[in-house]
N, C-alpha and C. Protein backbone atom coordinates (compact mmCIF):
# COMPACT_ATOMS: atom_id res chain seq x y z
N MET A 1 113.32 48.60 75.47
CA MET A 1 113.41 49.35 74.54
C MET A 1 112.82 50.74 75.49
N THR A 2 113.87 51.93 75.50
CA THR A 2 113.52 53.01 76.29
C THR A 2 112.61 54.07 76.30
N LEU A 3 111.58 54.74 76.84
CA LEU A 3 110.87 55.70 76.53
C LEU A 3 111.48 57.17 76.21
N VAL A 4 110.94 57.66 75.16
CA VAL A 4 111.40 58.63 74.48
C VAL A 4 110.75 59.66 74.34
N TYR A 5 109.42 59.84 74.55
CA TYR A 5 108.17 60.57 75.23
C TYR A 5 107.20 60.65 75.55
N SER A 6 106.78 61.15 76.58
CA SER A 6 105.43 60.28 77.60
C SER A 6 104.77 62.00 78.06
N THR A 7 103.99 62.46 77.95
CA THR A 7 102.89 63.17 78.18
C THR A 7 102.35 63.27 79.57
N GLU A 8 102.80 62.34 79.82
CA GLU A 8 101.47 61.79 81.24
C GLU A 8 102.82 62.50 82.73
N VAL A 9 104.34 63.36 82.86
CA VAL A 9 104.65 63.65 83.67
C VAL A 9 105.09 65.08 82.94
N GLY A 10 105.51 65.76 83.44
CA GLY A 10 105.80 67.05 83.08
C GLY A 10 105.22 68.45 83.95
N ARG A 11 106.03 69.99 83.81
CA ARG A 11 105.94 70.34 84.55
C ARG A 11 103.72 71.36 84.27
N ILE A 12 103.26 71.01 83.55
CA ILE A 12 102.15 71.31 83.70
C ILE A 12 101.17 70.31 84.44
N LYS A 13 100.65 71.95 85.23
CA LYS A 13 100.07 72.27 86.24
C LYS A 13 98.77 71.53 86.33
N PRO A 14 97.61 71.05 87.18
CA PRO A 14 96.19 70.85 87.20
C PRO A 14 95.98 71.94 86.85
N GLU A 15 94.66 71.69 86.19
CA GLU A 15 93.36 72.65 86.38
C GLU A 15 93.06 73.32 87.83
N ASP A 16 93.01 72.53 88.48
CA ASP A 16 91.95 73.16 89.61
C ASP A 16 93.17 73.93 90.58
N SER A 17 94.58 73.45 90.26
CA SER A 17 95.11 74.49 91.01
C SER A 17 95.32 76.22 90.80
N GLN A 18 95.22 76.57 91.62
CA GLN A 18 94.67 78.07 91.35
C GLN A 18 95.51 78.41 91.91
N PRO A 19 96.21 79.45 91.40
CA PRO A 19 97.64 80.34 92.49
C PRO A 19 97.12 81.09 93.91
N GLN A 20 97.33 80.67 95.14
CA GLN A 20 97.37 81.46 96.01
C GLN A 20 97.69 82.41 96.13
N ARG A 21 96.92 83.73 97.03
CA ARG A 21 97.16 84.91 97.52
C ARG A 21 97.90 84.71 98.30
N PRO A 22 99.08 85.43 98.74
CA PRO A 22 99.31 85.71 99.79
C PRO A 22 98.83 86.10 101.20
N LYS A 23 98.88 85.24 102.54
CA LYS A 23 97.39 85.54 103.64
C LYS A 23 98.07 86.83 103.94
N GLY A 24 97.64 88.20 104.37
CA GLY A 24 97.93 89.47 105.02
C GLY A 24 97.87 89.11 106.08
N ASP A 25 98.35 90.52 106.94
CA ASP A 25 98.39 90.21 107.81
C ASP A 25 97.30 90.68 109.56
N GLY A 26 96.20 91.27 108.49
CA GLY A 26 95.51 92.11 109.06
C GLY A 26 95.17 93.39 108.50
N ILE A 27 95.81 94.04 108.21
CA ILE A 27 96.34 95.66 107.83
C ILE A 27 95.70 96.14 106.71
N VAL A 28 94.81 96.96 106.30
CA VAL A 28 95.14 97.52 104.84
C VAL A 28 95.71 98.68 104.33
N ARG A 29 96.52 98.87 103.41
CA ARG A 29 97.53 99.47 103.24
C ARG A 29 97.31 100.12 101.79
N ILE A 30 97.04 101.67 102.04
CA ILE A 30 96.98 102.08 100.94
C ILE A 30 98.25 102.74 100.39
N GLN A 31 98.62 103.38 99.01
CA GLN A 31 99.49 103.81 98.77
C GLN A 31 99.83 104.52 97.46
N ARG A 32 100.71 105.43 97.23
CA ARG A 32 100.33 106.10 95.79
C ARG A 32 101.25 105.40 95.35
N GLN A 33 100.60 105.20 94.16
CA GLN A 33 101.96 104.68 93.39
C GLN A 33 101.89 105.44 91.56
N THR A 34 102.76 106.04 90.96
CA THR A 34 103.02 106.90 89.65
C THR A 34 104.50 106.13 88.79
N LYS A 35 104.48 104.81 89.39
CA LYS A 35 105.91 104.52 88.46
C LYS A 35 104.80 103.92 87.15
N GLY A 36 105.79 103.52 86.07
CA GLY A 36 104.78 103.35 85.26
C GLY A 36 103.63 103.43 85.07
N ARG A 37 102.96 104.67 85.04
CA ARG A 37 101.71 105.13 84.63
C ARG A 37 101.93 106.47 84.17
N LYS A 38 102.96 106.76 83.31
CA LYS A 38 103.10 108.19 82.76
C LYS A 38 102.81 109.37 83.67
N GLY A 39 102.98 109.41 84.71
CA GLY A 39 102.81 110.56 85.72
C GLY A 39 101.70 110.53 86.20
N LYS A 40 100.70 109.78 86.51
CA LYS A 40 99.27 109.67 86.02
C LYS A 40 98.96 108.49 88.17
N GLY A 41 99.10 109.13 88.40
CA GLY A 41 98.73 108.36 90.24
C GLY A 41 97.60 107.73 90.45
N VAL A 42 97.79 106.75 91.20
CA VAL A 42 96.60 105.59 91.44
C VAL A 42 97.10 105.52 92.89
N CYS A 43 96.42 105.13 93.49
CA CYS A 43 95.92 104.39 95.13
C CYS A 43 95.85 103.31 94.81
N VAL A 44 97.22 102.13 95.27
CA VAL A 44 96.74 100.48 95.40
C VAL A 44 96.49 100.79 97.09
N ILE A 45 95.70 99.80 96.74
CA ILE A 45 94.89 98.81 98.53
C ILE A 45 95.33 97.51 98.19
N THR A 46 96.08 97.12 99.32
CA THR A 46 96.70 95.67 99.06
C THR A 46 96.20 95.75 100.64
N GLY A 47 96.13 93.97 101.03
CA GLY A 47 96.29 93.59 101.84
C GLY A 47 95.17 93.24 102.68
N LEU A 48 93.66 93.05 101.67
CA LEU A 48 92.58 93.07 101.42
C LEU A 48 92.33 91.06 101.52
N ASP A 49 91.68 90.49 102.32
CA ASP A 49 92.06 89.09 102.59
C ASP A 49 90.17 88.69 102.21
N LEU A 50 90.19 88.92 100.25
CA LEU A 50 88.90 88.78 99.84
C LEU A 50 88.92 87.95 98.61
N ASP A 51 87.76 87.21 98.61
CA ASP A 51 88.03 86.54 96.79
C ASP A 51 87.62 87.79 95.84
N ASP A 52 87.62 87.18 94.47
CA ASP A 52 87.72 88.23 93.69
C ASP A 52 86.24 88.78 93.52
N ALA A 53 85.15 88.13 93.84
CA ALA A 53 83.99 88.70 93.68
C ALA A 53 83.89 90.17 94.27
N ALA A 54 84.27 89.41 96.00
CA ALA A 54 84.10 90.90 96.51
C ALA A 54 84.91 91.36 96.57
N LEU A 55 86.31 91.65 95.91
CA LEU A 55 86.75 92.22 96.02
C LEU A 55 86.49 93.48 94.75
N LYS A 56 85.66 93.03 93.78
CA LYS A 56 85.22 93.53 92.51
C LYS A 56 84.05 94.85 93.31
N LEU A 57 82.97 93.68 93.58
CA LEU A 57 82.10 94.70 94.54
C LEU A 57 82.70 95.83 95.31
N LEU A 58 83.65 95.41 96.16
CA LEU A 58 84.36 96.81 96.92
C LEU A 58 85.04 98.06 96.33
N ALA A 59 85.41 97.73 94.56
CA ALA A 59 86.08 98.15 93.95
C ALA A 59 85.05 99.62 93.47
N ALA A 60 84.04 98.26 92.99
CA ALA A 60 82.91 99.25 92.74
C ALA A 60 82.42 100.27 93.32
N GLU A 61 82.68 100.29 94.81
CA GLU A 61 81.94 101.01 96.17
C GLU A 61 83.07 102.17 96.37
N LEU A 62 84.03 101.43 96.10
CA LEU A 62 85.36 102.79 95.86
C LEU A 62 85.31 103.79 94.93
N LYS A 63 84.98 103.23 93.54
CA LYS A 63 85.02 103.87 92.46
C LYS A 63 83.79 105.18 92.66
N LYS A 64 82.52 104.54 93.03
CA LYS A 64 81.55 105.44 92.96
C LYS A 64 81.85 106.17 94.56
N HIS A 65 82.50 105.95 95.29
CA HIS A 65 82.69 106.72 96.52
C HIS A 65 83.26 107.82 96.22
N CYS A 66 84.68 107.82 95.23
CA CYS A 66 85.86 108.77 95.12
C CYS A 66 85.27 109.62 93.64
N GLY A 67 84.32 109.29 93.22
CA GLY A 67 83.99 109.61 91.76
C GLY A 67 84.88 110.01 90.60
N CYS A 68 85.92 107.95 90.32
CA CYS A 68 87.15 108.10 89.53
C CYS A 68 87.19 106.61 89.29
N GLY A 69 87.54 106.62 88.26
CA GLY A 69 88.19 105.19 87.93
C GLY A 69 88.56 103.83 88.36
N GLY A 70 88.99 103.11 88.50
CA GLY A 70 89.79 102.02 88.72
C GLY A 70 89.79 100.82 88.23
N ALA A 71 90.82 99.87 88.95
CA ALA A 71 90.91 98.39 88.16
C ALA A 71 90.93 97.42 89.51
N VAL A 72 90.32 96.05 89.14
CA VAL A 72 91.01 95.19 90.91
C VAL A 72 92.09 94.16 89.81
N LYS A 73 93.15 94.67 90.33
CA LYS A 73 94.89 93.33 89.74
C LYS A 73 95.13 92.50 90.54
N ASP A 74 95.48 91.61 90.19
CA ASP A 74 96.11 90.88 91.03
C ASP A 74 95.67 90.27 92.65
N GLY A 75 94.96 90.53 92.75
CA GLY A 75 94.25 90.68 94.33
C GLY A 75 94.25 92.10 95.14
N HIS A 76 94.34 93.29 93.97
CA HIS A 76 94.70 94.54 94.83
C HIS A 76 93.90 95.49 94.30
N ILE A 77 93.39 96.16 94.56
CA ILE A 77 92.43 97.11 93.92
C ILE A 77 92.99 99.01 93.69
N GLU A 78 93.13 99.32 92.69
CA GLU A 78 93.43 100.36 91.90
C GLU A 78 92.85 101.58 91.95
N ILE A 79 92.88 102.36 92.84
CA ILE A 79 91.94 103.72 92.26
C ILE A 79 92.44 104.92 91.50
N GLN A 80 92.05 105.30 90.99
CA GLN A 80 92.78 106.06 89.96
C GLN A 80 92.53 107.35 91.17
N GLY A 81 93.53 108.29 90.87
CA GLY A 81 93.87 109.83 91.32
C GLY A 81 94.58 109.60 92.74
N ASP A 82 94.69 110.76 93.87
CA ASP A 82 95.11 110.86 95.11
C ASP A 82 93.63 111.02 96.03
N ASP A 83 92.72 109.94 96.27
CA ASP A 83 91.95 110.03 97.28
C ASP A 83 92.12 108.97 98.59
N ARG A 84 93.34 108.99 99.02
CA ARG A 84 93.51 108.19 99.75
C ARG A 84 92.98 108.59 101.53
N GLU A 85 92.33 109.74 101.63
CA GLU A 85 91.76 110.15 102.79
C GLU A 85 90.52 109.47 103.16
N LYS A 86 89.62 109.74 101.56
CA LYS A 86 88.12 109.05 101.29
C LYS A 86 88.53 107.62 101.25
N ILE A 87 89.18 107.12 100.74
CA ILE A 87 89.65 105.34 100.53
C ILE A 87 89.65 105.49 102.47
N LYS A 88 90.05 105.16 103.15
CA LYS A 88 90.69 105.15 104.22
C LYS A 88 89.34 105.38 105.51
N THR A 89 88.82 106.38 105.18
CA THR A 89 87.59 106.68 105.83
C THR A 89 86.28 106.03 105.55
N LEU A 90 86.44 104.71 104.07
CA LEU A 90 85.63 104.17 104.09
C LEU A 90 85.69 102.92 104.61
N LEU A 91 86.79 102.73 104.36
CA LEU A 91 87.53 101.11 104.76
C LEU A 91 87.58 101.23 106.56
N GLU A 92 87.91 102.48 106.75
CA GLU A 92 87.31 101.99 108.27
C GLU A 92 86.27 102.45 108.90
N LYS A 93 84.75 102.34 108.34
CA LYS A 93 83.67 102.36 107.98
C LYS A 93 82.99 100.69 108.45
N LYS A 94 83.55 100.28 107.22
CA LYS A 94 83.59 98.81 106.93
C LYS A 94 84.37 97.95 107.93
N GLY A 95 85.10 98.39 109.43
CA GLY A 95 85.98 97.76 110.00
C GLY A 95 87.00 97.04 109.80
N HIS A 96 88.01 97.18 108.69
CA HIS A 96 88.80 97.42 108.29
C HIS A 96 90.36 97.99 109.45
N THR A 97 91.22 97.62 109.79
CA THR A 97 92.23 98.08 110.38
C THR A 97 93.49 98.63 108.79
N VAL A 98 93.47 100.54 108.90
CA VAL A 98 94.32 101.24 107.92
C VAL A 98 95.46 101.97 107.28
N LYS A 99 96.25 101.44 107.13
CA LYS A 99 97.33 102.40 107.40
C LYS A 99 97.58 103.55 106.13
N LEU A 100 98.14 104.37 105.92
CA LEU A 100 98.83 104.35 104.54
C LEU A 100 99.88 104.70 104.44
N ALA A 101 100.25 103.66 103.68
CA ALA A 101 101.62 103.41 103.41
C ALA A 101 102.21 104.16 102.17
N GLY A 102 103.95 104.16 102.14
CA GLY A 102 104.17 104.97 101.42
C GLY A 102 103.95 106.48 100.86
N GLY A 103 104.50 107.24 100.01
CA GLY A 103 104.67 108.60 100.12
C GLY A 103 103.97 109.45 99.54
């Protein structure tokens, strides 16, 4: 008798395996993006090696500092508007190495 169907093997991943974010090089990059946002600009902050809870706290602090909205998506922080200089000074006060990337 041959095996016709089995649920023991396959491409189902175990529940405890969370997708790992790539490790950064220690430099926080702030870039301005408008693509796919109907012309509205956002500042995307990448390169922060923090867990999700710490990212949400930092995003809340940045939103309060800039006086605008934002979100945490896929390990990146998005802040509405173009306040890259404010974001840069706040992150440098917290001890991060910051670069302004993109246009």
